[in-house]
Amino acid sequence: MRSYPVNSPQAAARIVALTVVADGDIGDAEIKLLDRLAVHEQLGLARHESHALLDTFCEDLLSSDQLKWADAGPVDERTLADMMGEVQDPAQRLK
């Protein structure tokens, strides 16, 4: 799993991507809602950058051992802690 600079828009967007894939599927309705809410703008990314990051996150999951979801989620506890640790700014965490 790649890492991103602390408090970067990419680090925050990857957490959003994690919530999108948490159920094992990326639904059109989820993508439309993210676009309608302009989540990419709130995080400081262009729409295409946000979508590319979602694709990259899925590639990371596919190329790792993370896809053995046993009623837990798409990443293990260590990876989740690492991802969450990349967003430390309290205001950005609230977003």
N, C-alpha and C. Protein backbone atom coordinates (compact mmCIF):
# COMPACT_ATOMS: atom_id res chain seq x y z
N MET A 1 0.86 -1.17 0.00
CA MET A 1 0.00 0.00 0.00
C MET A 1 0.90 1.24 0.00
N ARG A 2 0.66 2.13 -0.94
CA ARG A 2 1.49 3.35 -1.00
C ARG A 2 1.11 4.29 0.13
N SER A 3 1.98 5.22 0.40
CA SER A 3 1.69 6.22 1.43
C SER A 3 1.65 7.59 0.79
N TYR A 4 1.05 8.53 1.49
CA TYR A 4 0.93 9.90 1.02
C TYR A 4 1.44 10.83 2.10
N PRO A 5 1.83 12.04 1.74
CA PRO A 5 2.28 13.00 2.76
C PRO A 5 1.19 13.26 3.79
N VAL A 6 1.60 13.47 5.03
CA VAL A 6 0.67 13.74 6.11
C VAL A 6 -0.15 14.99 5.78
N ASN A 7 -1.45 14.88 6.01
CA ASN A 7 -2.43 15.95 5.80
C ASN A 7 -2.58 16.37 4.34
N SER A 8 -2.14 15.55 3.43
CA SER A 8 -2.29 15.87 2.01
C SER A 8 -3.72 15.57 1.56
N PRO A 9 -4.17 16.22 0.50
CA PRO A 9 -5.50 15.90 -0.04
C PRO A 9 -5.60 14.43 -0.44
N GLN A 10 -4.51 13.86 -0.92
CA GLN A 10 -4.52 12.45 -1.34
C GLN A 10 -4.74 11.52 -0.15
N ALA A 11 -4.11 11.83 0.98
CA ALA A 11 -4.28 11.00 2.18
C ALA A 11 -5.73 11.02 2.63
N ALA A 12 -6.34 12.21 2.63
CA ALA A 12 -7.74 12.32 3.03
C ALA A 12 -8.66 11.64 2.03
N ALA A 13 -8.38 11.81 0.75
CA ALA A 13 -9.22 11.21 -0.28
C ALA A 13 -9.15 9.69 -0.23
N ARG A 14 -8.02 9.16 0.17
CA ARG A 14 -7.92 7.70 0.26
C ARG A 14 -8.81 7.16 1.37
N ILE A 15 -8.99 7.90 2.43
CA ILE A 15 -9.90 7.47 3.49
C ILE A 15 -11.33 7.47 2.97
N VAL A 16 -11.66 8.47 2.16
CA VAL A 16 -12.98 8.49 1.52
C VAL A 16 -13.12 7.28 0.61
N ALA A 17 -12.06 6.98 -0.16
CA ALA A 17 -12.08 5.81 -1.05
C ALA A 17 -12.30 4.53 -0.24
N LEU A 18 -11.69 4.45 0.91
CA LEU A 18 -11.86 3.28 1.77
C LEU A 18 -13.32 3.10 2.15
N THR A 19 -14.00 4.19 2.45
CA THR A 19 -15.42 4.07 2.82
C THR A 19 -16.27 3.63 1.63
N VAL A 20 -15.86 4.06 0.43
CA VAL A 20 -16.60 3.68 -0.77
C VAL A 20 -16.49 2.18 -1.04
N VAL A 21 -15.32 1.62 -0.83
CA VAL A 21 -15.11 0.20 -1.13
C VAL A 21 -15.31 -0.71 0.07
N ALA A 22 -15.70 -0.14 1.20
CA ALA A 22 -15.82 -0.92 2.43
C ALA A 22 -16.78 -2.10 2.31
N ASP A 23 -17.80 -1.96 1.48
CA ASP A 23 -18.76 -3.06 1.32
C ASP A 23 -18.38 -3.99 0.17
N GLY A 24 -17.22 -3.76 -0.44
CA GLY A 24 -16.74 -4.64 -1.50
C GLY A 24 -17.20 -4.26 -2.88
N ASP A 25 -17.90 -3.14 -3.01
CA ASP A 25 -18.43 -2.73 -4.31
C ASP A 25 -18.38 -1.21 -4.40
N ILE A 26 -18.15 -0.72 -5.61
CA ILE A 26 -18.22 0.72 -5.87
C ILE A 26 -19.47 0.95 -6.70
N GLY A 27 -20.47 1.53 -6.07
CA GLY A 27 -21.73 1.75 -6.76
C GLY A 27 -21.76 3.09 -7.47
N ASP A 28 -22.49 3.13 -8.58
CA ASP A 28 -22.66 4.39 -9.32
C ASP A 28 -23.27 5.47 -8.43
N ALA A 29 -24.19 5.07 -7.58
CA ALA A 29 -24.84 6.04 -6.70
C ALA A 29 -23.83 6.67 -5.74
N GLU A 30 -22.87 5.88 -5.29
CA GLU A 30 -21.84 6.42 -4.39
C GLU A 30 -20.98 7.46 -5.11
N ILE A 31 -20.57 7.15 -6.32
CA ILE A 31 -19.75 8.08 -7.10
C ILE A 31 -20.53 9.35 -7.40
N LYS A 32 -21.79 9.21 -7.78
CA LYS A 32 -22.62 10.37 -8.08
C LYS A 32 -22.80 11.25 -6.85
N LEU A 33 -22.98 10.63 -5.69
CA LEU A 33 -23.13 11.40 -4.46
C LEU A 33 -21.84 12.15 -4.13
N LEU A 34 -20.71 11.49 -4.25
CA LEU A 34 -19.43 12.17 -4.00
C LEU A 34 -19.26 13.36 -4.94
N ASP A 35 -19.64 13.18 -6.20
CA ASP A 35 -19.54 14.28 -7.17
C ASP A 35 -20.52 15.40 -6.83
N ARG A 36 -21.75 15.02 -6.48
CA ARG A 36 -22.77 16.03 -6.18
C ARG A 36 -22.38 16.85 -4.96
N LEU A 37 -21.78 16.21 -3.97
CA LEU A 37 -21.34 16.91 -2.76
C LEU A 37 -20.00 17.63 -2.96
N ALA A 38 -19.40 17.42 -4.14
CA ALA A 38 -18.10 18.02 -4.47
C ALA A 38 -17.05 17.69 -3.41
N VAL A 39 -17.03 16.44 -3.00
CA VAL A 39 -16.08 15.99 -1.99
C VAL A 39 -14.65 16.27 -2.46
N HIS A 40 -14.39 16.09 -3.74
CA HIS A 40 -13.05 16.35 -4.26
C HIS A 40 -12.63 17.79 -4.00
N GLU A 41 -13.53 18.74 -4.19
CA GLU A 41 -13.22 20.14 -3.94
C GLU A 41 -12.98 20.40 -2.45
N GLN A 42 -13.78 19.77 -1.61
CA GLN A 42 -13.61 19.93 -0.17
C GLN A 42 -12.25 19.43 0.30
N LEU A 43 -11.73 18.45 -0.41
CA LEU A 43 -10.43 17.88 -0.05
C LEU A 43 -9.27 18.56 -0.78
N GLY A 44 -9.57 19.43 -1.72
CA GLY A 44 -8.52 20.14 -2.44
C GLY A 44 -8.02 19.42 -3.68
N LEU A 45 -8.87 18.62 -4.30
CA LEU A 45 -8.51 17.88 -5.50
C LEU A 45 -9.46 18.21 -6.65
N ALA A 46 -8.97 18.04 -7.86
CA ALA A 46 -9.85 18.10 -9.02
C ALA A 46 -10.65 16.80 -9.07
N ARG A 47 -11.79 16.83 -9.72
CA ARG A 47 -12.64 15.64 -9.79
C ARG A 47 -11.88 14.45 -10.37
N HIS A 48 -11.15 14.65 -11.45
CA HIS A 48 -10.42 13.54 -12.07
C HIS A 48 -9.32 13.01 -11.15
N GLU A 49 -8.74 13.87 -10.32
CA GLU A 49 -7.71 13.40 -9.37
C GLU A 49 -8.34 12.51 -8.31
N SER A 50 -9.51 12.89 -7.86
CA SER A 50 -10.22 12.09 -6.86
C SER A 50 -10.59 10.72 -7.41
N HIS A 51 -11.08 10.69 -8.64
CA HIS A 51 -11.45 9.42 -9.27
C HIS A 51 -10.21 8.57 -9.52
N ALA A 52 -9.12 9.20 -9.92
CA ALA A 52 -7.87 8.46 -10.15
C ALA A 52 -7.35 7.87 -8.84
N LEU A 53 -7.51 8.61 -7.75
CA LEU A 53 -7.06 8.10 -6.46
C LEU A 53 -7.88 6.90 -6.03
N LEU A 54 -9.16 6.93 -6.31
CA LEU A 54 -10.02 5.77 -6.02
C LEU A 54 -9.54 4.55 -6.81
N ASP A 55 -9.22 4.76 -8.08
CA ASP A 55 -8.69 3.67 -8.92
C ASP A 55 -7.37 3.15 -8.37
N THR A 56 -6.50 4.07 -7.98
CA THR A 56 -5.19 3.69 -7.44
C THR A 56 -5.34 2.91 -6.15
N PHE A 57 -6.27 3.34 -5.30
CA PHE A 57 -6.51 2.62 -4.05
C PHE A 57 -6.98 1.19 -4.34
N CYS A 58 -7.87 1.04 -5.29
CA CYS A 58 -8.33 -0.30 -5.66
C CYS A 58 -7.18 -1.14 -6.21
N GLU A 59 -6.31 -0.54 -7.01
CA GLU A 59 -5.14 -1.25 -7.51
C GLU A 59 -4.26 -1.71 -6.35
N ASP A 60 -4.06 -0.83 -5.37
CA ASP A 60 -3.26 -1.20 -4.19
C ASP A 60 -3.89 -2.38 -3.46
N LEU A 61 -5.20 -2.36 -3.31
CA LEU A 61 -5.88 -3.47 -2.64
C LEU A 61 -5.71 -4.77 -3.41
N LEU A 62 -5.85 -4.68 -4.73
CA LEU A 62 -5.73 -5.87 -5.56
C LEU A 62 -4.32 -6.45 -5.57
N SER A 63 -3.32 -5.58 -5.45
CA SER A 63 -1.94 -6.05 -5.51
C SER A 63 -1.38 -6.44 -4.14
N SER A 64 -2.20 -6.30 -3.11
CA SER A 64 -1.75 -6.65 -1.77
C SER A 64 -2.55 -7.84 -1.26
N ASP A 65 -2.30 -8.19 -0.04
CA ASP A 65 -3.02 -9.28 0.60
C ASP A 65 -4.28 -8.77 1.31
N GLN A 66 -4.67 -7.55 1.03
CA GLN A 66 -5.74 -6.91 1.77
C GLN A 66 -7.14 -7.41 1.42
N LEU A 67 -7.29 -8.14 0.34
CA LEU A 67 -8.64 -8.49 -0.09
C LEU A 67 -9.18 -9.78 0.54
N LYS A 68 -8.65 -10.16 1.65
CA LYS A 68 -9.17 -11.32 2.36
C LYS A 68 -10.07 -10.82 3.48
N TRP A 69 -11.20 -10.23 3.11
CA TRP A 69 -12.10 -9.61 4.07
C TRP A 69 -12.87 -10.69 4.80
N ALA A 70 -12.68 -10.81 6.04
CA ALA A 70 -13.43 -11.79 6.83
C ALA A 70 -14.31 -11.04 7.81
N ASP A 71 -15.39 -10.51 7.31
CA ASP A 71 -16.32 -9.73 8.13
C ASP A 71 -15.65 -8.53 8.79
N ALA A 72 -14.54 -8.07 8.25
CA ALA A 72 -13.81 -6.99 8.88
C ALA A 72 -13.83 -5.72 8.03
N GLY A 73 -13.32 -5.78 6.86
CA GLY A 73 -13.20 -4.62 6.00
C GLY A 73 -12.10 -4.86 4.99
N PRO A 74 -11.90 -3.92 4.10
CA PRO A 74 -10.94 -4.15 3.02
C PRO A 74 -9.47 -4.02 3.41
N VAL A 75 -9.17 -3.53 4.60
CA VAL A 75 -7.76 -3.44 5.02
C VAL A 75 -7.62 -3.95 6.45
N ASP A 76 -6.42 -4.40 6.77
CA ASP A 76 -6.17 -4.89 8.12
C ASP A 76 -5.99 -3.71 9.08
N GLU A 77 -5.94 -3.99 10.36
CA GLU A 77 -5.87 -2.94 11.38
C GLU A 77 -4.62 -2.08 11.25
N ARG A 78 -3.51 -2.70 10.94
CA ARG A 78 -2.24 -1.96 10.80
C ARG A 78 -2.32 -0.98 9.63
N THR A 79 -2.82 -1.46 8.49
CA THR A 79 -2.94 -0.60 7.32
C THR A 79 -3.92 0.53 7.59
N LEU A 80 -5.02 0.21 8.25
CA LEU A 80 -6.00 1.25 8.60
C LEU A 80 -5.36 2.30 9.50
N ALA A 81 -4.61 1.88 10.50
CA ALA A 81 -3.94 2.82 11.40
C ALA A 81 -2.94 3.70 10.63
N ASP A 82 -2.21 3.10 9.70
CA ASP A 82 -1.27 3.87 8.89
C ASP A 82 -2.01 4.90 8.04
N MET A 83 -3.10 4.49 7.42
CA MET A 83 -3.88 5.41 6.59
C MET A 83 -4.45 6.55 7.42
N MET A 84 -5.03 6.23 8.55
CA MET A 84 -5.62 7.25 9.40
C MET A 84 -4.55 8.18 9.98
N GLY A 85 -3.36 7.65 10.21
CA GLY A 85 -2.26 8.44 10.73
C GLY A 85 -1.75 9.48 9.75
N GLU A 86 -2.07 9.31 8.48
CA GLU A 86 -1.63 10.28 7.48
C GLU A 86 -2.51 11.53 7.47
N VAL A 87 -3.61 11.50 8.20
CA VAL A 87 -4.47 12.69 8.33
C VAL A 87 -4.50 13.04 9.81
N GLN A 88 -3.72 14.04 10.18
CA GLN A 88 -3.58 14.41 11.58
C GLN A 88 -4.23 15.74 11.92
N ASP A 89 -4.45 16.57 10.94
CA ASP A 89 -5.05 17.88 11.16
C ASP A 89 -6.50 17.71 11.63
N PRO A 90 -6.86 18.25 12.79
CA PRO A 90 -8.22 18.06 13.32
C PRO A 90 -9.32 18.52 12.36
N ALA A 91 -9.13 19.65 11.71
CA ALA A 91 -10.16 20.15 10.78
C ALA A 91 -10.32 19.22 9.59
N GLN A 92 -9.20 18.71 9.09
CA GLN A 92 -9.26 17.79 7.94
C GLN A 92 -9.90 16.47 8.36
N ARG A 93 -9.64 16.02 9.57
CA ARG A 93 -10.26 14.79 10.07
C ARG A 93 -11.79 14.92 10.14
N LEU A 94 -12.25 16.10 10.53
CA LEU A 94 -13.70 16.31 10.59
C LEU A 94 -14.36 16.22 9.22
N LYS A 95 -13.66 16.68 8.21
CA LYS A 95 -14.21 16.58 6.84
C LYS A 95 -14.41 15.13 6.50
